[in-house]
Amino acid sequence: MRDAFRKLANVVSQWAGSPWAFISAIVILLIWILTGPLFNYSDTWQLIINTGTTIVTFLMVFLIQSTQNRDARAIHLKLDELIRAVHNARNEMIDVENVSEEELEEIHDEFRKVLENYQKKNKSKRNS
């Protein structure tokens, strides 16, 4: 079941992000707008577009989240492999996405200091 859902989510996400999906949505909206006078802009006419967009939005949230979760996991695994392969890299960074917010902030501050030191060195080299 998971594999079937993954395949479906990928196919739908790819299609939903395509120009054809956007064009299809515009065509549906144009048809809906053009049928307004035919249905006297009734509550039912408005309910059709509201219900349709709500259903599509509701379903797309789950499909897009599934795709994003899979992509994020793949990116983390690729980064973990790079960390593992680089001799001077810190292996504790492999699981950094699971640390607390405070620990993330500490690591961020550490890298900010590394950047500041790098910028100072480059500035002094340029001024020499």
C-alpha atoms as a PDB file:
ATOM      1  CA  MET A   1       0.000   0.000   0.000  1.00  0.00           C
ATOM      2  CA  ARG A   2       2.829   2.430   0.871  1.00  0.00           C
ATOM      3  CA  ASP A   3       4.546   1.843  -2.438  1.00  0.00           C
ATOM      4  CA  ALA A   4       1.320   2.377  -4.376  1.00  0.00           C
ATOM      5  CA  PHE A   5       0.653   5.618  -2.456  1.00  0.00           C
ATOM      6  CA  ARG A   6       4.223   6.818  -3.036  1.00  0.00           C
ATOM      7  CA  LYS A   7       3.910   6.196  -6.769  1.00  0.00           C
ATOM      8  CA  LEU A   8       0.506   7.903  -6.908  1.00  0.00           C
ATOM      9  CA  ALA A   9       1.763  10.865  -4.862  1.00  0.00           C
ATOM     10  CA  ASN A  10       4.772  11.293  -7.151  1.00  0.00           C
ATOM     11  CA  VAL A  11       2.691  11.106 -10.328  1.00  0.00           C
ATOM     12  CA  VAL A  12       0.052  13.523  -9.026  1.00  0.00           C
ATOM     13  CA  SER A  13       2.680  15.927  -7.645  1.00  0.00           C
ATOM     14  CA  GLN A  14       4.527  15.929 -10.961  1.00  0.00           C
ATOM     15  CA  TRP A  15       1.313  16.554 -12.866  1.00  0.00           C
ATOM     16  CA  ALA A  16       0.049  19.185 -10.388  1.00  0.00           C
ATOM     17  CA  GLY A  17       3.268  21.138 -10.840  1.00  0.00           C
ATOM     18  CA  SER A  18       3.066  21.075 -14.612  1.00  0.00           C
ATOM     19  CA  PRO A  19       1.918  23.837 -16.964  1.00  0.00           C
ATOM     20  CA  TRP A  20      -0.903  21.540 -18.099  1.00  0.00           C
ATOM     21  CA  ALA A  21      -2.348  21.439 -14.589  1.00  0.00           C
ATOM     22  CA  PHE A  22      -2.294  25.229 -14.408  1.00  0.00           C
ATOM     23  CA  ILE A  23      -3.918  25.525 -17.830  1.00  0.00           C
ATOM     24  CA  SER A  24      -6.533  22.938 -16.825  1.00  0.00           C
ATOM     25  CA  ALA A  25      -7.358  24.931 -13.702  1.00  0.00           C
ATOM     26  CA  ILE A  26      -7.744  28.111 -15.753  1.00  0.00           C
ATOM     27  CA  VAL A  27     -10.022  26.309 -18.245  1.00  0.00           C
ATOM     28  CA  ILE A  28     -12.182  24.953 -15.410  1.00  0.00           C
ATOM     29  CA  LEU A  29     -12.453  28.436 -13.895  1.00  0.00           C
ATOM     30  CA  LEU A  30     -13.343  29.976 -17.261  1.00  0.00           C
ATOM     31  CA  ILE A  31     -16.061  27.365 -17.830  1.00  0.00           C
ATOM     32  CA  TRP A  32     -17.389  28.026 -14.345  1.00  0.00           C
ATOM     33  CA  ILE A  33     -17.376  31.810 -14.897  1.00  0.00           C
ATOM     34  CA  LEU A  34     -19.018  31.525 -18.318  1.00  0.00           C
ATOM     35  CA  THR A  35     -21.795  29.305 -16.938  1.00  0.00           C
ATOM     36  CA  GLY A  36     -22.618  31.888 -14.243  1.00  0.00           C
ATOM     37  CA  PRO A  37     -25.283  33.689 -16.313  1.00  0.00           C
ATOM     38  CA  LEU A  38     -26.751  30.329 -17.376  1.00  0.00           C
ATOM     39  CA  PHE A  39     -27.355  29.419 -13.729  1.00  0.00           C
ATOM     40  CA  ASN A  40     -28.207  33.005 -12.667  1.00  0.00           C
ATOM     41  CA  TYR A  41     -25.146  33.047 -10.412  1.00  0.00           C
ATOM     42  CA  SER A  42     -27.055  30.830  -8.006  1.00  0.00           C
ATOM     43  CA  ASP A  43     -25.845  29.485  -4.688  1.00  0.00           C
ATOM     44  CA  THR A  44     -25.517  26.045  -6.291  1.00  0.00           C
ATOM     45  CA  TRP A  45     -23.311  27.505  -9.032  1.00  0.00           C
ATOM     46  CA  GLN A  46     -21.041  29.041  -6.369  1.00  0.00           C
ATOM     47  CA  LEU A  47     -21.124  25.881  -4.272  1.00  0.00           C
ATOM     48  CA  ILE A  48     -19.776  23.831  -7.189  1.00  0.00           C
ATOM     49  CA  ILE A  49     -16.514  25.790  -7.412  1.00  0.00           C
ATOM     50  CA  ASN A  50     -16.178  26.101  -3.644  1.00  0.00           C
ATOM     51  CA  THR A  51     -16.659  22.374  -3.084  1.00  0.00           C
ATOM     52  CA  GLY A  52     -14.386  21.414  -5.964  1.00  0.00           C
ATOM     53  CA  THR A  53     -11.520  23.632  -4.867  1.00  0.00           C
ATOM     54  CA  THR A  54     -11.885  22.556  -1.247  1.00  0.00           C
ATOM     55  CA  ILE A  55     -11.712  18.866  -2.148  1.00  0.00           C
ATOM     56  CA  VAL A  56      -8.730  19.330  -4.456  1.00  0.00           C
ATOM     57  CA  THR A  57      -6.904  21.445  -1.870  1.00  0.00           C
ATOM     58  CA  PHE A  58      -7.603  18.955   0.913  1.00  0.00           C
ATOM     59  CA  LEU A  59      -6.269  16.013  -1.098  1.00  0.00           C
ATOM     60  CA  MET A  60      -3.274  17.913  -2.485  1.00  0.00           C
ATOM     61  CA  VAL A  61      -2.074  18.821   1.010  1.00  0.00           C
ATOM     62  CA  PHE A  62      -1.515  15.150   1.804  1.00  0.00           C
ATOM     63  CA  LEU A  63       0.050  14.311  -1.540  1.00  0.00           C
ATOM     64  CA  ILE A  64       2.410  17.275  -1.473  1.00  0.00           C
ATOM     65  CA  GLN A  65       3.376  16.622   2.148  1.00  0.00           C
ATOM     66  CA  SER A  66       4.159  13.004   1.300  1.00  0.00           C
ATOM     67  CA  THR A  67       6.345  14.064  -1.610  1.00  0.00           C
ATOM     68  CA  GLN A  68       8.116  16.707   0.486  1.00  0.00           C
ATOM     69  CA  ASN A  69       8.756  14.214   3.281  1.00  0.00           C
ATOM     70  CA  ARG A  70      10.296  11.763   0.829  1.00  0.00           C
ATOM     71  CA  ASP A  71      12.435  14.464  -0.821  1.00  0.00           C
ATOM     72  CA  ALA A  72      13.626  15.767   2.564  1.00  0.00           C
ATOM     73  CA  ARG A  73      14.548  12.252   3.682  1.00  0.00           C
ATOM     74  CA  ALA A  74      16.488  11.646   0.462  1.00  0.00           C
ATOM     75  CA  ILE A  75      18.349  14.957   0.820  1.00  0.00           C
ATOM     76  CA  HIS A  76      19.221  14.158   4.448  1.00  0.00           C
ATOM     77  CA  LEU A  77      20.555  10.747   3.432  1.00  0.00           C
ATOM     78  CA  LYS A  78      22.671  12.298   0.689  1.00  0.00           C
ATOM     79  CA  LEU A  79      24.050  14.877   3.109  1.00  0.00           C
ATOM     80  CA  ASP A  80      24.677  12.160   5.696  1.00  0.00           C
ATOM     81  CA  GLU A  81      26.679  10.236   3.108  1.00  0.00           C
ATOM     82  CA  LEU A  82      28.741  13.324   2.324  1.00  0.00           C
ATOM     83  CA  ILE A  83      29.394  13.959   6.007  1.00  0.00           C
ATOM     84  CA  ARG A  84      30.444  10.346   6.459  1.00  0.00           C
ATOM     85  CA  ALA A  85      32.738  10.477   3.436  1.00  0.00           C
ATOM     86  CA  VAL A  86      34.514  13.757   4.239  1.00  0.00           C
ATOM     87  CA  HIS A  87      37.477  13.141   6.525  1.00  0.00           C
ATOM     88  CA  ASN A  88      37.237  16.293   8.686  1.00  0.00           C
ATOM     89  CA  ALA A  89      33.434  16.395   8.871  1.00  0.00           C
ATOM     90  CA  ARG A  90      31.826  15.912  12.265  1.00  0.00           C
ATOM     91  CA  ASN A  91      29.781  12.713  12.325  1.00  0.00           C
ATOM     92  CA  GLU A  92      27.469  14.148  14.995  1.00  0.00           C
ATOM     93  CA  MET A  93      26.051  16.379  12.234  1.00  0.00           C
ATOM     94  CA  ILE A  94      24.509  13.299  10.596  1.00  0.00           C
ATOM     95  CA  ASP A  95      21.477  13.382  12.903  1.00  0.00           C
ATOM     96  CA  VAL A  96      21.317  17.150  13.386  1.00  0.00           C
ATOM     97  CA  GLU A  97      17.681  17.385  12.200  1.00  0.00           C
ATOM     98  CA  ASN A  98      16.620  15.564  15.381  1.00  0.00           C
ATOM     99  CA  VAL A  99      18.301  17.819  17.963  1.00  0.00           C
ATOM    100  CA  SER A 100      16.485  20.402  20.066  1.00  0.00           C
ATOM    101  CA  GLU A 101      15.901  23.978  18.940  1.00  0.00           C
ATOM    102  CA  GLU A 102      18.486  25.166  21.471  1.00  0.00           C
ATOM    103  CA  GLU A 103      21.118  22.792  20.075  1.00  0.00           C
ATOM    104  CA  LEU A 104      20.304  23.902  16.529  1.00  0.00           C
ATOM    105  CA  GLU A 105      20.743  27.523  17.591  1.00  0.00           C
ATOM    106  CA  GLU A 106      24.122  26.709  19.162  1.00  0.00           C
ATOM    107  CA  ILE A 107      25.284  25.014  15.952  1.00  0.00           C
ATOM    108  CA  HIS A 108      23.970  27.937  13.910  1.00  0.00           C
ATOM    109  CA  ASP A 109      25.880  30.379  16.104  1.00  0.00           C
ATOM    110  CA  GLU A 110      29.017  28.293  15.679  1.00  0.00           C
ATOM    111  CA  PHE A 111      28.728  28.435  11.885  1.00  0.00           C
ATOM    112  CA  ARG A 112      27.941  32.152  12.034  1.00  0.00           C
ATOM    113  CA  LYS A 113      31.238  32.653  13.896  1.00  0.00           C
ATOM    114  CA  VAL A 114      33.067  30.571  11.288  1.00  0.00           C
ATOM    115  CA  LEU A 115      31.595  32.813   8.576  1.00  0.00           C
ATOM    116  CA  GLU A 116      32.538  35.991  10.445  1.00  0.00           C
ATOM    117  CA  ASN A 117      36.124  34.757  10.875  1.00  0.00           C
ATOM    118  CA  TYR A 118      36.281  33.864   7.190  1.00  0.00           C
ATOM    119  CA  GLN A 119      34.979  37.298   6.212  1.00  0.00           C
ATOM    120  CA  LYS A 120      37.500  39.028   8.505  1.00  0.00           C
ATOM    121  CA  LYS A 121      40.379  37.040   6.988  1.00  0.00           C
ATOM    122  CA  ASN A 122      39.252  37.853   3.446  1.00  0.00           C
ATOM    123  CA  LYS A 123      38.791  41.511   4.289  1.00  0.00           C
ATOM    124  CA  SER A 124      42.280  41.734   5.778  1.00  0.00           C
ATOM    125  CA  LYS A 125      43.723  39.970   2.706  1.00  0.00           C
ATOM    126  CA  ARG A 126      42.025  42.454   0.383  1.00  0.00           C
ATOM    127  CA  ASN A 127      43.226  45.413   2.418  1.00  0.00           C
ATOM    128  CA  SER A 128      46.856  44.202   2.410  1.00  0.00           C
END
